[in-house]
C-alpha atoms as a PDB file:
ATOM      1  CA  MET A   1       0.000   0.000   0.000  1.00  0.00           C
ATOM      2  CA  ASN A   2       1.032   3.631  -0.480  1.00  0.00           C
ATOM      3  CA  GLN A   3       2.452   5.575   2.387  1.00  0.00           C
ATOM      4  CA  PRO A   4      -0.321   7.661   3.981  1.00  0.00           C
ATOM      5  CA  ILE A   5      -0.691  11.276   2.891  1.00  0.00           C
ATOM      6  CA  ARG A   6       0.037  13.529   5.837  1.00  0.00           C
ATOM      7  CA  ARG A   7       1.347  16.739   4.219  1.00  0.00           C
ATOM      8  CA  ILE A   8      -0.153  18.428   1.143  1.00  0.00           C
ATOM      9  CA  PHE A   9       1.536  21.230  -0.777  1.00  0.00           C
ATOM     10  CA  HIS A  10      -0.296  23.732  -2.982  1.00  0.00           C
ATOM     11  CA  PRO A  11       1.591  26.475  -4.854  1.00  0.00           C
ATOM     12  CA  SER A  12      -0.736  29.314  -5.838  1.00  0.00           C
ATOM     13  CA  ASP A  13      -0.440  32.227  -8.256  1.00  0.00           C
ATOM     14  CA  PHE A  14      -3.837  33.573  -7.071  1.00  0.00           C
ATOM     15  CA  SER A  15      -5.453  32.860 -10.459  1.00  0.00           C
ATOM     16  CA  ALA A  16      -8.880  31.298 -11.033  1.00  0.00           C
ATOM     17  CA  ALA A  17      -7.138  28.065 -12.029  1.00  0.00           C
ATOM     18  CA  SER A  18      -5.183  28.053  -8.764  1.00  0.00           C
ATOM     19  CA  ASN A  19      -8.397  28.668  -6.809  1.00  0.00           C
ATOM     20  CA  LEU A  20      -9.869  25.440  -8.180  1.00  0.00           C
ATOM     21  CA  ALA A  21      -6.657  23.578  -7.359  1.00  0.00           C
ATOM     22  CA  PHE A  22      -6.837  25.074  -3.858  1.00  0.00           C
ATOM     23  CA  ALA A  23     -10.354  23.657  -3.444  1.00  0.00           C
ATOM     24  CA  HIS A  24      -9.057  20.189  -4.335  1.00  0.00           C
ATOM     25  CA  ALA A  25      -6.059  20.520  -1.998  1.00  0.00           C
ATOM     26  CA  LEU A  26      -8.252  21.703   0.870  1.00  0.00           C
ATOM     27  CA  ARG A  27     -10.882  18.989   0.340  1.00  0.00           C
ATOM     28  CA  VAL A  28      -8.298  16.194   0.216  1.00  0.00           C
ATOM     29  CA  ALA A  29      -6.499  17.632   3.252  1.00  0.00           C
ATOM     30  CA  LEU A  30      -9.773  17.863   5.132  1.00  0.00           C
ATOM     31  CA  ALA A  31     -10.685  14.258   4.325  1.00  0.00           C
ATOM     32  CA  GLY A  32      -7.303  12.962   5.454  1.00  0.00           C
ATOM     33  CA  HIS A  33      -6.788  15.301   8.448  1.00  0.00           C
ATOM     34  CA  CYS A  34      -3.597  16.548   6.802  1.00  0.00           C
ATOM     35  CA  ASP A  35      -1.250  19.485   7.085  1.00  0.00           C
ATOM     36  CA  LEU A  36      -1.765  21.866   4.157  1.00  0.00           C
ATOM     37  CA  THR A  37       0.929  24.279   2.984  1.00  0.00           C
ATOM     38  CA  ILE A  38      -0.114  27.057   0.582  1.00  0.00           C
ATOM     39  CA  LEU A  39       2.822  28.831  -1.039  1.00  0.00           C
ATOM     40  CA  HIS A  40       3.024  31.929  -3.201  1.00  0.00           C
ATOM     41  CA  THR A  41       6.219  32.984  -4.916  1.00  0.00           C
ATOM     42  CA  GLY A  42       7.228  35.545  -7.498  1.00  0.00           C
ATOM     43  CA  THR A  43       6.679  39.280  -7.811  1.00  0.00           C
ATOM     44  CA  HIS A  44       3.286  40.585  -6.744  1.00  0.00           C
ATOM     45  CA  ALA A  45       1.940  44.113  -6.459  1.00  0.00           C
ATOM     46  CA  GLY A  46       0.759  45.027  -2.993  1.00  0.00           C
ATOM     47  CA  SER A  47       0.551  42.639  -0.062  1.00  0.00           C
ATOM     48  CA  PRO A  48       0.236  38.990  -1.165  1.00  0.00           C
ATOM     49  CA  TRP A  49      -1.195  37.976   2.225  1.00  0.00           C
ATOM     50  CA  THR A  50      -4.549  39.557   1.368  1.00  0.00           C
ATOM     51  CA  GLU A  51      -4.704  37.534  -1.874  1.00  0.00           C
ATOM     52  CA  PHE A  52      -4.297  34.083  -0.327  1.00  0.00           C
ATOM     53  CA  PRO A  53      -7.320  31.759  -0.566  1.00  0.00           C
ATOM     54  CA  ARG A  54      -9.441  32.094   2.560  1.00  0.00           C
ATOM     55  CA  VAL A  55      -9.505  28.713   4.299  1.00  0.00           C
ATOM     56  CA  ARG A  56     -12.038  29.546   7.025  1.00  0.00           C
ATOM     57  CA  ARG A  57     -14.321  31.401   4.632  1.00  0.00           C
ATOM     58  CA  THR A  58     -14.227  28.430   2.244  1.00  0.00           C
ATOM     59  CA  LEU A  59     -15.000  25.930   5.021  1.00  0.00           C
ATOM     60  CA  GLU A  60     -17.882  28.129   6.171  1.00  0.00           C
ATOM     61  CA  GLN A  61     -19.178  28.273   2.600  1.00  0.00           C
ATOM     62  CA  TRP A  62     -18.940  24.472   2.455  1.00  0.00           C
ATOM     63  CA  LYS A  63     -20.949  24.362   5.716  1.00  0.00           C
ATOM     64  CA  MET A  64     -18.158  22.512   7.482  1.00  0.00           C
ATOM     65  CA  LEU A  65     -17.709  25.391   9.918  1.00  0.00           C
ATOM     66  CA  PRO A  66     -20.357  27.742  11.338  1.00  0.00           C
ATOM     67  CA  PRO A  67     -20.353  31.385  10.164  1.00  0.00           C
ATOM     68  CA  ASN A  68     -17.807  33.723  11.733  1.00  0.00           C
ATOM     69  CA  SER A  69     -15.682  30.915  13.172  1.00  0.00           C
ATOM     70  CA  ASP A  70     -12.394  31.818  14.848  1.00  0.00           C
ATOM     71  CA  LYS A  71      -8.975  30.607  13.741  1.00  0.00           C
ATOM     72  CA  GLU A  72      -8.926  27.761  16.256  1.00  0.00           C
ATOM     73  CA  ALA A  73     -12.016  26.205  14.647  1.00  0.00           C
ATOM     74  CA  ILE A  74      -9.936  24.868  11.761  1.00  0.00           C
ATOM     75  CA  ALA A  75      -7.976  22.638  14.150  1.00  0.00           C
ATOM     76  CA  THR A  76     -11.190  20.999  15.361  1.00  0.00           C
ATOM     77  CA  LEU A  77     -11.519  19.512  11.864  1.00  0.00           C
ATOM     78  CA  GLY A  78      -8.097  17.861  12.167  1.00  0.00           C
ATOM     79  CA  LEU A  79      -6.612  20.348   9.708  1.00  0.00           C
ATOM     80  CA  HIS A  80      -3.487  22.489   9.998  1.00  0.00           C
ATOM     81  CA  VAL A  81      -2.831  25.190   7.393  1.00  0.00           C
ATOM     82  CA  GLU A  82       0.380  27.153   6.830  1.00  0.00           C
ATOM     83  CA  LYS A  83       0.723  30.021   4.338  1.00  0.00           C
ATOM     84  CA  VAL A  84       4.170  30.851   2.977  1.00  0.00           C
ATOM     85  CA  VAL A  85       5.385  33.762   0.834  1.00  0.00           C
ATOM     86  CA  LEU A  86       8.696  33.536  -1.036  1.00  0.00           C
ATOM     87  CA  PRO A  87       9.124  36.837  -2.941  1.00  0.00           C
ATOM     88  CA  TYR A  88      11.565  35.595  -5.567  1.00  0.00           C
ATOM     89  CA  ARG A  89      11.556  36.081  -9.326  1.00  0.00           C
ATOM     90  CA  ASN A  90      12.094  32.393 -10.107  1.00  0.00           C
ATOM     91  CA  PRO A  91       8.915  30.565  -8.981  1.00  0.00           C
ATOM     92  CA  LEU A  92      10.109  27.128 -10.113  1.00  0.00           C
ATOM     93  CA  GLY A  93      13.415  27.378  -8.296  1.00  0.00           C
ATOM     94  CA  SER A  94      11.733  28.741  -5.160  1.00  0.00           C
ATOM     95  CA  ILE A  95       9.172  25.938  -5.084  1.00  0.00           C
ATOM     96  CA  LEU A  96      11.755  23.199  -5.617  1.00  0.00           C
ATOM     97  CA  ASN A  97      14.072  24.653  -2.978  1.00  0.00           C
ATOM     98  CA  PHE A  98      11.198  24.828  -0.509  1.00  0.00           C
ATOM     99  CA  LEU A  99      10.167  21.216  -1.204  1.00  0.00           C
ATOM    100  CA  ALA A 100      13.759  20.045  -0.830  1.00  0.00           C
ATOM    101  CA  ARG A 101      13.822  21.538   2.672  1.00  0.00           C
ATOM    102  CA  HIS A 102      10.225  20.641   3.546  1.00  0.00           C
ATOM    103  CA  PRO A 103       9.151  17.353   1.877  1.00  0.00           C
ATOM    104  CA  HIS A 104       5.437  16.740   1.343  1.00  0.00           C
ATOM    105  CA  ASP A 105       3.432  13.648   0.402  1.00  0.00           C
ATOM    106  CA  LEU A 106       1.178  15.198  -2.246  1.00  0.00           C
ATOM    107  CA  ILE A 107       1.429  18.275  -4.467  1.00  0.00           C
ATOM    108  CA  VAL A 108      -1.803  19.779  -5.818  1.00  0.00           C
ATOM    109  CA  LEU A 109      -1.393  22.382  -8.536  1.00  0.00           C
ATOM    110  CA  ALA A 110      -3.123  23.998 -11.470  1.00  0.00           C
ATOM    111  CA  THR A 111      -1.836  23.354 -14.966  1.00  0.00           C
ATOM    112  CA  HIS A 112      -2.332  25.492 -18.056  1.00  0.00           C
ATOM    113  CA  GLN A 113      -2.946  23.387 -21.153  1.00  0.00           C
ATOM    114  CA  TYR A 114      -1.032  25.165 -23.905  1.00  0.00           C
ATOM    115  CA  THR A 115      -0.778  23.521 -27.323  1.00  0.00           C
ATOM    116  CA  GLY A 116       1.380  23.971 -30.408  1.00  0.00           C
ATOM    117  CA  PHE A 117       3.658  27.007 -30.442  1.00  0.00           C
ATOM    118  CA  ASP A 118       2.122  28.367 -27.224  1.00  0.00           C
ATOM    119  CA  GLN A 119       3.526  25.353 -25.389  1.00  0.00           C
ATOM    120  CA  TRP A 120       7.067  26.477 -26.237  1.00  0.00           C
ATOM    121  CA  THR A 121       6.562  30.208 -25.576  1.00  0.00           C
ATOM    122  CA  HIS A 122       5.014  29.928 -22.096  1.00  0.00           C
ATOM    123  CA  ARG A 123       7.206  29.118 -19.124  1.00  0.00           C
ATOM    124  CA  GLN A 124       6.018  25.875 -17.567  1.00  0.00           C
ATOM    125  CA  THR A 125       5.973  25.329 -13.831  1.00  0.00           C
ATOM    126  CA  ALA A 126       3.565  22.468 -13.062  1.00  0.00           C
ATOM    127  CA  GLU A 127       5.326  19.683 -14.984  1.00  0.00           C
ATOM    128  CA  PRO A 128       8.882  20.524 -13.825  1.00  0.00           C
ATOM    129  CA  VAL A 129       7.703  20.759 -10.200  1.00  0.00           C
ATOM    130  CA  ALA A 130       6.213  17.265 -10.385  1.00  0.00           C
ATOM    131  CA  ARG A 131       9.134  15.773 -12.303  1.00  0.00           C
ATOM    132  CA  LYS A 132      11.994  17.291 -10.293  1.00  0.00           C
ATOM    133  CA  SER A 133      10.404  16.989  -6.853  1.00  0.00           C
ATOM    134  CA  GLU A 134       9.523  13.310  -7.526  1.00  0.00           C
ATOM    135  CA  GLU A 135       6.449  13.651  -5.340  1.00  0.00           C
ATOM    136  CA  GLN A 136       2.946  12.375  -5.953  1.00  0.00           C
ATOM    137  CA  THR A 137       1.201  15.186  -7.849  1.00  0.00           C
ATOM    138  CA  LEU A 138      -2.432  15.981  -8.574  1.00  0.00           C
ATOM    139  CA  PHE A 139      -2.778  18.194 -11.665  1.00  0.00           C
ATOM    140  CA  ILE A 140      -5.972  20.272 -11.959  1.00  0.00           C
ATOM    141  CA  PRO A 141      -6.423  21.481 -15.568  1.00  0.00           C
ATOM    142  CA  GLN A 142      -7.343  25.090 -16.208  1.00  0.00           C
ATOM    143  CA  GLY A 143     -10.912  25.645 -17.370  1.00  0.00           C
ATOM    144  CA  LYS A 144     -12.201  22.232 -16.230  1.00  0.00           C
ATOM    145  CA  ASN A 145     -14.494  21.401 -13.334  1.00  0.00           C
ATOM    146  CA  GLY A 146     -12.389  18.825 -11.503  1.00  0.00           C
ATOM    147  CA  PHE A 147     -13.937  16.378  -9.034  1.00  0.00           C
ATOM    148  CA  VAL A 148     -14.376  18.902  -6.204  1.00  0.00           C
ATOM    149  CA  ASN A 149     -17.017  21.601  -6.458  1.00  0.00           C
ATOM    150  CA  ALA A 150     -15.225  24.780  -5.385  1.00  0.00           C
ATOM    151  CA  ALA A 151     -18.480  26.417  -4.265  1.00  0.00           C
ATOM    152  CA  SER A 152     -19.848  23.587  -2.113  1.00  0.00           C
ATOM    153  CA  GLY A 153     -16.913  21.243  -1.435  1.00  0.00           C
ATOM    154  CA  GLU A 154     -18.978  18.377  -2.829  1.00  0.00           C
ATOM    155  CA  VAL A 155     -16.949  15.502  -4.292  1.00  0.00           C
ATOM    156  CA  GLN A 156     -17.943  13.993  -7.638  1.00  0.00           C
ATOM    157  CA  LEU A 157     -15.572  11.072  -8.163  1.00  0.00           C
ATOM    158  CA  HIS A 158     -17.459   8.336  -9.988  1.00  0.00           C
ATOM    159  CA  SER A 159     -15.104   7.153 -12.722  1.00  0.00           C
ATOM    160  CA  VAL A 160     -11.333   6.612 -12.422  1.00  0.00           C
ATOM    161  CA  LEU A 161      -9.101   5.602 -15.338  1.00  0.00           C
ATOM    162  CA  VAL A 162      -5.753   3.893 -14.679  1.00  0.00           C
ATOM    163  CA  PRO A 163      -3.648   3.314 -17.840  1.00  0.00           C
ATOM    164  CA  VAL A 164      -1.138   0.449 -17.421  1.00  0.00           C
ATOM    165  CA  ASP A 165       1.377  -1.673 -19.301  1.00  0.00           C
ATOM    166  CA  ARG A 166       4.052  -4.162 -18.325  1.00  0.00           C
ATOM    167  CA  THR A 167       6.489  -1.391 -17.417  1.00  0.00           C
ATOM    168  CA  THR A 168       3.950   0.310 -15.126  1.00  0.00           C
ATOM    169  CA  ALA A 169       3.966  -0.038 -11.345  1.00  0.00           C
ATOM    170  CA  VAL A 170       0.364  -1.233 -11.572  1.00  0.00           C
ATOM    171  CA  GLN A 171      -0.201  -1.920  -7.885  1.00  0.00           C
ATOM    172  CA  LEU A 172       1.210   1.486  -6.978  1.00  0.00           C
ATOM    173  CA  ALA A 173      -1.254   3.255  -9.290  1.00  0.00           C
ATOM    174  CA  MET A 174      -4.155   1.126  -8.043  1.00  0.00           C
ATOM    175  CA  ASP A 175      -3.250   1.811  -4.424  1.00  0.00           C
ATOM    176  CA  ALA A 176      -3.046   5.561  -5.062  1.00  0.00           C
ATOM    177  CA  ALA A 177      -6.457   5.583  -6.751  1.00  0.00           C
ATOM    178  CA  THR A 178      -7.991   3.477  -3.990  1.00  0.00           C
ATOM    179  CA  ALA A 179      -6.486   5.563  -1.194  1.00  0.00           C
ATOM    180  CA  LEU A 180      -7.817   8.814  -2.655  1.00  0.00           C
ATOM    181  CA  ALA A 181     -11.313   7.431  -3.320  1.00  0.00           C
ATOM    182  CA  ASP A 182     -11.461   5.808   0.108  1.00  0.00           C
ATOM    183  CA  SER A 183     -10.318   8.982   1.872  1.00  0.00           C
ATOM    184  CA  LEU A 184     -12.982  11.033   0.077  1.00  0.00           C
ATOM    185  CA  GLY A 185     -15.688   8.447   0.843  1.00  0.00           C
ATOM    186  CA  CYS A 186     -16.377   7.623  -2.812  1.00  0.00           C
ATOM    187  CA  ARG A 187     -17.761   4.129  -2.333  1.00  0.00           C
ATOM    188  CA  ASP A 188     -19.739   4.030  -5.580  1.00  0.00           C
ATOM    189  CA  ALA A 189     -16.837   4.839  -7.897  1.00  0.00           C
ATOM    190  CA  GLU A 190     -15.756   2.594 -10.761  1.00  0.00           C
ATOM    191  CA  ALA A 191     -12.121   2.186 -11.767  1.00  0.00           C
ATOM    192  CA  THR A 192     -10.874   0.984 -15.144  1.00  0.00           C
ATOM    193  CA  LEU A 193      -7.467  -0.493 -15.858  1.00  0.00           C
ATOM    194  CA  LEU A 194      -6.725   0.454 -19.465  1.00  0.00           C
ATOM    195  CA  HIS A 195      -4.169  -1.420 -21.576  1.00  0.00           C
ATOM    196  CA  VAL A 196      -3.412  -0.132 -25.064  1.00  0.00           C
ATOM    197  CA  GLY A 197      -1.863  -2.754 -27.357  1.00  0.00           C
ATOM    198  CA  ASP A 198      -1.829  -6.546 -27.581  1.00  0.00           C
ATOM    199  CA  ARG A 199      -4.032  -7.977 -24.832  1.00  0.00           C
ATOM    200  CA  ASN A 200      -1.443 -10.711 -24.230  1.00  0.00           C
ATOM    201  CA  ASP A 201       1.062  -8.037 -23.215  1.00  0.00           C
ATOM    202  CA  ALA A 202      -1.176  -6.649 -20.460  1.00  0.00           C
ATOM    203  CA  PRO A 203       0.167  -7.040 -16.904  1.00  0.00           C
ATOM    204  CA  ARG A 204      -1.104 -10.038 -14.988  1.00  0.00           C
ATOM    205  CA  ILE A 205      -2.937  -8.856 -11.910  1.00  0.00           C
ATOM    206  CA  THR A 206      -5.950  -9.998  -9.921  1.00  0.00           C
ATOM    207  CA  LEU A 207      -8.555  -7.286  -9.537  1.00  0.00           C
ATOM    208  CA  PRO A 208      -9.620  -6.625  -5.943  1.00  0.00           C
ATOM    209  CA  GLU A 209     -13.205  -7.560  -5.125  1.00  0.00           C
ATOM    210  CA  GLU A 210     -13.462  -5.255  -2.116  1.00  0.00           C
ATOM    211  CA  GLY A 211     -12.499  -1.675  -1.379  1.00  0.00           C
ATOM    212  CA  ALA A 212     -13.561   1.824  -2.321  1.00  0.00           C
ATOM    213  CA  LEU A 213     -13.398   1.155  -6.078  1.00  0.00           C
ATOM    214  CA  LYS A 214     -15.055  -1.400  -8.347  1.00  0.00           C
ATOM    215  CA  TRP A 215     -12.370  -2.540 -10.805  1.00  0.00           C
ATOM    216  CA  ARG A 216     -12.576  -3.758 -14.394  1.00  0.00           C
ATOM    217  CA  TRP A 217     -10.290  -4.174 -17.426  1.00  0.00           C
ATOM    218  CA  MET A 218     -10.457  -2.325 -20.751  1.00  0.00           C
ATOM    219  CA  TYR A 219      -8.335  -3.200 -23.800  1.00  0.00           C
ATOM    220  CA  ARG A 220      -7.714  -0.983 -26.810  1.00  0.00           C
ATOM    221  CA  GLU A 221      -5.376  -0.810 -29.784  1.00  0.00           C
ATOM    222  CA  GLY A 222      -3.810   2.244 -31.399  1.00  0.00           C
ATOM    223  CA  ASP A 223      -1.713   5.199 -30.308  1.00  0.00           C
ATOM    224  CA  VAL A 224      -1.230   5.038 -26.527  1.00  0.00           C
ATOM    225  CA  GLU A 225      -1.654   8.741 -25.843  1.00  0.00           C
ATOM    226  CA  GLN A 226      -4.689   9.154 -28.089  1.00  0.00           C
ATOM    227  CA  GLU A 227      -6.427   6.040 -26.747  1.00  0.00           C
ATOM    228  CA  ILE A 228      -5.952   7.108 -23.136  1.00  0.00           C
ATOM    229  CA  LEU A 229      -7.454  10.524 -23.881  1.00  0.00           C
ATOM    230  CA  ARG A 230     -10.270   8.983 -25.926  1.00  0.00           C
ATOM    231  CA  ALA A 231     -11.149   6.502 -23.172  1.00  0.00           C
ATOM    232  CA  ALA A 232     -11.105   9.253 -20.536  1.00  0.00           C
ATOM    233  CA  HIS A 233     -13.501  11.304 -22.669  1.00  0.00           C
ATOM    234  CA  GLU A 234     -15.846   8.466 -23.650  1.00  0.00           C
ATOM    235  CA  TYR A 235     -16.173   7.098 -20.131  1.00  0.00           C
ATOM    236  CA  HIS A 236     -16.445  10.558 -18.523  1.00  0.00           C
ATOM    237  CA  ALA A 237     -13.449   9.960 -16.267  1.00  0.00           C
ATOM    238  CA  ASP A 238     -13.312  12.218 -13.223  1.00  0.00           C
ATOM    239  CA  LEU A 239      -9.678  11.301 -12.598  1.00  0.00           C
ATOM    240  CA  VAL A 240      -6.790   9.673 -14.462  1.00  0.00           C
ATOM    241  CA  VAL A 241      -4.140   7.974 -12.320  1.00  0.00           C
ATOM    242  CA  MET A 242      -0.746   7.218 -13.869  1.00  0.00           C
ATOM    243  CA  ALA A 243       2.420   5.699 -12.450  1.00  0.00           C
ATOM    244  CA  THR A 244       5.213   7.629 -14.134  1.00  0.00           C
ATOM    245  CA  HIS A 245       8.907   6.966 -14.778  1.00  0.00           C
ATOM    246  CA  GLY A 246       9.716  10.561 -15.737  1.00  0.00           C
ATOM    247  CA  HIS A 247      11.782  11.152 -18.880  1.00  0.00           C
ATOM    248  CA  ASP A 248      13.183   7.892 -20.235  1.00  0.00           C
ATOM    249  CA  SER A 249      14.517   9.088 -23.597  1.00  0.00           C
ATOM    250  CA  LEU A 250      15.762  12.078 -25.580  1.00  0.00           C
ATOM    251  CA  GLN A 251      12.360  12.221 -27.248  1.00  0.00           C
ATOM    252  CA  ASP A 252      10.731  12.551 -23.830  1.00  0.00           C
ATOM    253  CA  ALA A 253      13.002  15.480 -23.054  1.00  0.00           C
ATOM    254  CA  PHE A 254      11.547  17.364 -26.027  1.00  0.00           C
ATOM    255  CA  ARG A 255       7.939  16.126 -26.034  1.00  0.00           C
ATOM    256  CA  GLY A 256       7.507  15.183 -22.388  1.00  0.00           C
ATOM    257  CA  SER A 257       6.678  11.788 -20.920  1.00  0.00           C
ATOM    258  CA  ILE A 258       3.355  10.140 -21.763  1.00  0.00           C
ATOM    259  CA  THR A 259       2.059  11.261 -18.366  1.00  0.00           C
ATOM    260  CA  GLU A 260       3.007  14.874 -19.066  1.00  0.00           C
ATOM    261  CA  ARG A 261       1.369  14.739 -22.487  1.00  0.00           C
ATOM    262  CA  ILE A 262      -1.813  13.367 -20.933  1.00  0.00           C
ATOM    263  CA  VAL A 263      -1.721  16.175 -18.353  1.00  0.00           C
ATOM    264  CA  ARG A 264      -1.544  18.730 -21.184  1.00  0.00           C
ATOM    265  CA  HIS A 265      -4.687  17.467 -22.897  1.00  0.00           C
ATOM    266  CA  ALA A 266      -6.858  15.643 -20.334  1.00  0.00           C
ATOM    267  CA  GLU A 267     -10.328  17.004 -19.580  1.00  0.00           C
ATOM    268  CA  CYS A 268     -10.101  15.916 -15.935  1.00  0.00           C
ATOM    269  CA  PRO A 269      -7.521  15.959 -13.128  1.00  0.00           C
ATOM    270  CA  VAL A 270      -4.516  13.644 -13.426  1.00  0.00           C
ATOM    271  CA  LEU A 271      -2.776  12.041 -10.448  1.00  0.00           C
ATOM    272  CA  ALA A 272       0.872  11.224 -11.265  1.00  0.00           C
ATOM    273  CA  VAL A 273       2.551   8.700  -8.971  1.00  0.00           C
ATOM    274  CA  PRO A 274       6.364   8.401  -9.314  1.00  0.00           C
ATOM    275  CA  ALA A 275       7.404   4.780  -9.869  1.00  0.00           C
ATOM    276  CA  HIS A 276      10.308   5.148  -7.422  1.00  0.00           C
ATOM    277  CA  ARG A 277       7.710   4.992  -4.639  1.00  0.00           C
ATOM    278  CA  ALA A 278       7.169   1.310  -5.458  1.00  0.00           C
ATOM    279  CA  VAL A 279      10.873   0.560  -4.954  1.00  0.00           C
ATOM    280  CA  ALA A 280      10.959   2.538  -1.719  1.00  0.00           C
ATOM    281  CA  HIS A 281       7.909   0.668  -0.465  1.00  0.00           C
ATOM    282  CA  GLU A 282       9.444  -2.723  -1.257  1.00  0.00           C
ATOM    283  CA  HIS A 283      12.548  -1.753   0.723  1.00  0.00           C
ATOM    284  CA  THR A 284      10.381  -0.612   3.644  1.00  0.00           C
ATOM    285  CA  VAL A 285       8.416  -3.876   3.670  1.00  0.00           C
ATOM    286  CA  ALA A 286      11.599  -5.969   3.545  1.00  0.00           C
ATOM    287  CA  GLU A 287      13.160  -3.938   6.363  1.00  0.00           C
ATOM    288  CA  ASN A 288      10.053  -4.220   8.514  1.00  0.00           C
ATOM    289  CA  LEU A 289       9.832  -7.968   7.977  1.00  0.00           C
ATOM    290  CA  ALA A 290      13.480  -8.322   8.975  1.00  0.00           C
ATOM    291  CA  THR A 291      12.968  -6.324  12.175  1.00  0.00           C
ATOM    292  CA  GLY A 292       9.564  -7.746  13.021  1.00  0.00           C
ATOM    293  CA  ARG A 293       7.715  -4.461  12.521  1.00  0.00           C
ATOM    294  CA  ILE A 294       4.291  -4.382  10.888  1.00  0.00           C
ATOM    295  CA  THR A 295       3.479  -2.304   7.810  1.00  0.00           C
ATOM    296  CA  ILE A 296      -0.112  -1.313   7.121  1.00  0.00           C
END
């Protein structure tokens, strides 16, 4: 199983896209009784503190706190929030330096889906943060609804798509999807393992019969990227979960990994789970078995 999520990190540029990502970060943090760090970096006119998303006001709007609650009321929900300002001109460098000093379990950030020439002329932050930090990252695409209603806090997570192949850390992706759905109380959600290519090359895995998600297989042929996007659209996926290996080739360095290309075009949030977590977990299990400790 995945390590539990205890600390969530959300970098904000105070845009509408970041506000939706903030709603997802806050809702997941609330469900898991997590620590939530909200960070703003870069140049900003005036005082950035007044621009930060209002946690108490949002929780009151979601009817999870009574009107006019005091600051201490947030702690009664098992939530701790820290707001950080780093007034530097290099947002990417500031974020990565902060994460290096203060590791988190999950990053939740907005992503702007540029295409064609625009993709090369706009400075990207979301993808490099996820790739270089090597942390589990939830991407919330600009202009989409996501699975958390920002106005009410209501969760709409009914369909999860998990693309896999023989090189994928399948169990890691399944565990991440299950943990998120279970934490948010989404007991009626369906999850689809998608394999694009020869069915005989699909990973051999037994689908769980119990848990927060109801699992099934789907097989398709064609271009991997296009078929993943097509399946997500046709089955109205609320979330795509992908175990990622980062950049494995020179071509990836120019075009991005498959996960990054899905992030750029998906109509729903994408949860990217670094494959190195599977190796780390195997080492932890082996160490615990050797010392007699129990891993849950």
